[in-house]
Protein backbone atom coordinates (compact mmCIF):
# COMPACT_ATOMS: atom_id res chain seq x y z
CA MET A 1 0.00 0.00 0.00
CA TRP A 2 1.46 3.34 -1.08
CA LYS A 3 0.31 5.35 1.97
CA SER A 4 2.48 3.26 4.30
CA ASN A 5 5.44 2.84 1.94
CA PRO A 6 8.72 4.18 3.41
CA ALA A 7 9.57 5.65 -0.02
CA ARG A 8 6.44 7.80 0.21
CA ALA A 9 7.47 9.13 3.61
CA GLU A 10 10.91 9.98 2.24
CA LEU A 11 9.40 11.64 -0.84
CA LEU A 12 7.05 13.76 1.27
CA ALA A 13 10.00 14.84 3.45
CA LEU A 14 11.89 15.90 0.31
CA TYR A 15 8.83 17.78 -0.92
CA LYS A 16 8.65 19.59 2.44
CA GLU A 17 12.32 20.57 2.13
CA THR A 18 11.58 21.88 -1.36
CA ASP A 19 8.54 23.84 -0.24
CA ASP A 20 10.42 25.31 2.73
CA LEU A 21 13.35 26.32 0.51
CA LEU A 22 11.06 28.03 -2.00
CA ALA A 23 8.55 29.53 0.46
CA PRO A 24 9.89 33.09 0.02
CA PHE A 25 9.38 32.92 -3.77
CA SER A 26 6.20 33.25 -5.81
CA CYS A 27 5.00 33.71 -9.35
CA GLU A 28 2.18 36.03 -10.33
CA ALA A 29 1.33 33.80 -13.32
CA SER A 30 0.72 30.94 -10.95
CA THR A 31 -0.80 28.37 -13.33
CA ASP A 32 0.75 29.44 -16.64
CA CYS A 33 3.27 26.63 -16.25
CA CYS A 34 0.36 24.13 -16.15
CA HIS A 35 -0.23 24.96 -19.83
CA PHE A 36 2.82 23.28 -21.31
CA ALA A 37 2.46 24.87 -24.75
CA ARG A 38 2.67 28.37 -23.20
CA THR A 39 6.07 27.71 -21.69
CA GLY A 40 7.39 25.04 -24.02
CA ARG A 41 8.31 23.04 -20.91
CA GLU A 42 6.76 20.16 -19.02
CA PRO A 43 7.61 18.50 -15.71
CA TYR A 44 9.29 15.08 -15.92
CA PRO A 45 8.31 13.20 -12.74
CA THR A 46 10.07 10.05 -11.63
CA ALA A 47 8.35 6.74 -10.85
CA VAL A 48 8.22 7.45 -7.12
CA GLU A 49 6.55 10.79 -7.81
CA LEU A 50 4.08 9.19 -10.20
CA ALA A 51 3.12 6.72 -7.48
CA GLU A 52 2.23 9.70 -5.26
CA VAL A 53 0.36 11.47 -8.09
CA GLU A 54 -1.61 8.34 -8.97
CA ASP A 55 -2.53 7.73 -5.33
CA ALA A 56 -3.69 11.34 -4.87
CA ALA A 57 -5.67 11.23 -8.12
CA LYS A 58 -7.28 7.94 -7.16
CA GLY A 59 -8.25 9.43 -3.79
CA LEU A 60 -10.17 12.14 -5.66
CA GLY A 61 -11.84 9.65 -7.98
CA LEU A 62 -9.76 10.69 -10.97
CA ALA A 63 -8.77 7.91 -13.33
CA ALA A 64 -5.00 8.41 -13.41
CA LYS A 65 -3.19 5.44 -14.89
CA PRO A 66 0.13 4.95 -16.60
CA THR A 67 -0.37 4.18 -20.25
CA ARG A 68 1.56 3.63 -23.42
CA LYS A 69 -0.88 5.85 -25.33
CA LEU A 70 -0.50 9.60 -25.45
CA PRO A 71 -3.32 11.43 -23.66
CA VAL A 72 -5.47 13.83 -25.59
CA LEU A 73 -4.45 17.33 -24.56
CA ASP A 74 -5.96 20.62 -25.66
CA ALA A 75 -4.07 23.08 -27.88
CA GLU A 76 -2.34 24.60 -24.83
CA ARG A 77 -1.33 21.12 -23.66
CA THR A 78 -2.98 21.78 -20.32
CA CYS A 79 -1.82 19.54 -17.49
CA PRO A 80 -4.32 16.69 -17.07
CA LEU A 81 -4.40 17.39 -13.31
CA LEU A 82 -5.57 20.98 -13.65
CA GLY A 83 -9.21 21.27 -12.63
CA PRO A 84 -11.96 23.19 -14.39
CA ASN A 85 -11.46 25.97 -11.82
CA GLY A 86 -7.86 26.42 -13.03
CA ARG A 87 -6.31 24.94 -9.87
CA CYS A 88 -4.27 21.76 -9.41
CA ARG A 89 -6.49 18.97 -8.12
CA ILE A 90 -3.62 17.23 -6.33
CA TYR A 91 -1.66 20.28 -5.21
CA SER A 92 -0.19 18.76 -2.03
CA SER A 93 1.00 15.73 -4.05
CA ARG A 94 2.23 17.62 -7.12
CA PRO A 95 5.61 16.49 -8.50
CA PHE A 96 8.92 18.21 -7.83
CA GLY A 97 8.92 19.78 -11.30
CA CYS A 98 5.62 21.48 -10.51
CA ARG A 99 6.94 22.75 -7.19
CA THR A 100 10.01 24.29 -8.85
CA PHE A 101 8.56 25.18 -12.25
CA PHE A 102 9.00 28.94 -12.06
CA CYS A 103 8.68 31.18 -15.06
CA GLU A 104 10.78 34.26 -15.64
CA ARG A 105 8.25 36.20 -13.54
CA VAL A 106 9.27 34.59 -10.25
CA SER A 107 9.80 37.05 -7.45
CA GLY A 108 11.46 36.71 -4.09
CA PRO A 109 14.41 37.75 -1.97
CA GLY A 110 17.12 37.47 -4.57
CA LYS A 111 17.93 34.68 -6.99
CA LEU A 112 16.41 31.23 -6.84
CA PRO A 113 18.65 28.79 -4.95
CA ARG A 114 19.31 26.71 -8.06
CA ALA A 115 22.10 24.55 -6.60
CA GLU A 116 19.88 23.54 -3.69
CA ILE A 117 16.96 22.87 -6.03
CA LEU A 118 19.15 20.65 -8.23
CA ALA A 119 20.44 18.77 -5.17
CA LEU A 120 16.88 18.06 -4.03
CA GLY A 121 16.00 16.87 -7.54
CA ARG A 122 18.95 14.47 -7.46
CA ARG A 123 17.82 13.13 -4.09
CA ILE A 124 14.34 12.47 -5.47
CA ALA A 125 15.83 10.73 -8.53
CA ASP A 126 18.00 8.59 -6.23
CA LEU A 127 14.96 7.71 -4.13
CA SER A 128 13.04 6.72 -7.24
CA GLN A 129 15.94 4.53 -8.38
CA ARG A 130 15.95 2.74 -5.01
CA ALA A 131 12.16 2.42 -4.75
CA PHE A 132 11.51 1.56 -8.41
CA PRO A 133 14.75 0.07 -9.78
CA ARG A 134 13.00 -1.32 -12.86
CA ASP A 135 11.58 2.10 -13.74
CA PRO A 136 14.36 4.62 -13.08
CA HIS A 137 13.71 7.24 -15.74
CA PRO A 138 11.50 10.32 -15.50
CA ARG A 139 8.96 10.95 -18.24
CA PRO A 140 6.81 13.89 -19.40
CA LEU A 141 3.84 14.36 -17.10
CA GLY A 142 1.38 14.57 -19.98
CA ARG A 143 2.46 11.16 -21.26
CA ALA A 144 2.75 9.61 -17.83
CA LEU A 145 -0.89 10.23 -16.98
CA ALA A 146 -3.93 9.40 -18.99
CA ARG A 147 -7.35 9.85 -17.56
CA GLU A 148 -10.80 10.97 -18.47
CA ARG A 149 -11.17 14.73 -18.19
CA LYS A 150 -13.81 15.49 -15.57
């Protein structure tokens, strides 16, 4: 069961470190990055992160399943986890790339702590390798999730 998996506890601790590190920063265009065509970028979550995303989506009754088929996205390639109200439906379980996916409009007390962000990303990748050794590579979020839009 994912909720009691030690890898989940470690992932959530890493997410808390990330959130604490980036707490002083914000972006006025808060969900622009959830429209992948607007930015030309997309988060690449690891297997351990996808386990958390899938569990959170399932808890909300969303049909989030890994698939080999590409999901149907709108012209803006909107994240499949963005709700009709324009907010992330699994915000507390969002992947690392979503937590650190700042546009050029980010504001805060100085420059983003990029070295620390990269170190946290490496720790999450290492965790994923340990927890899911047969599935070590990250993949684009849009491809990783396929579900019915609700």
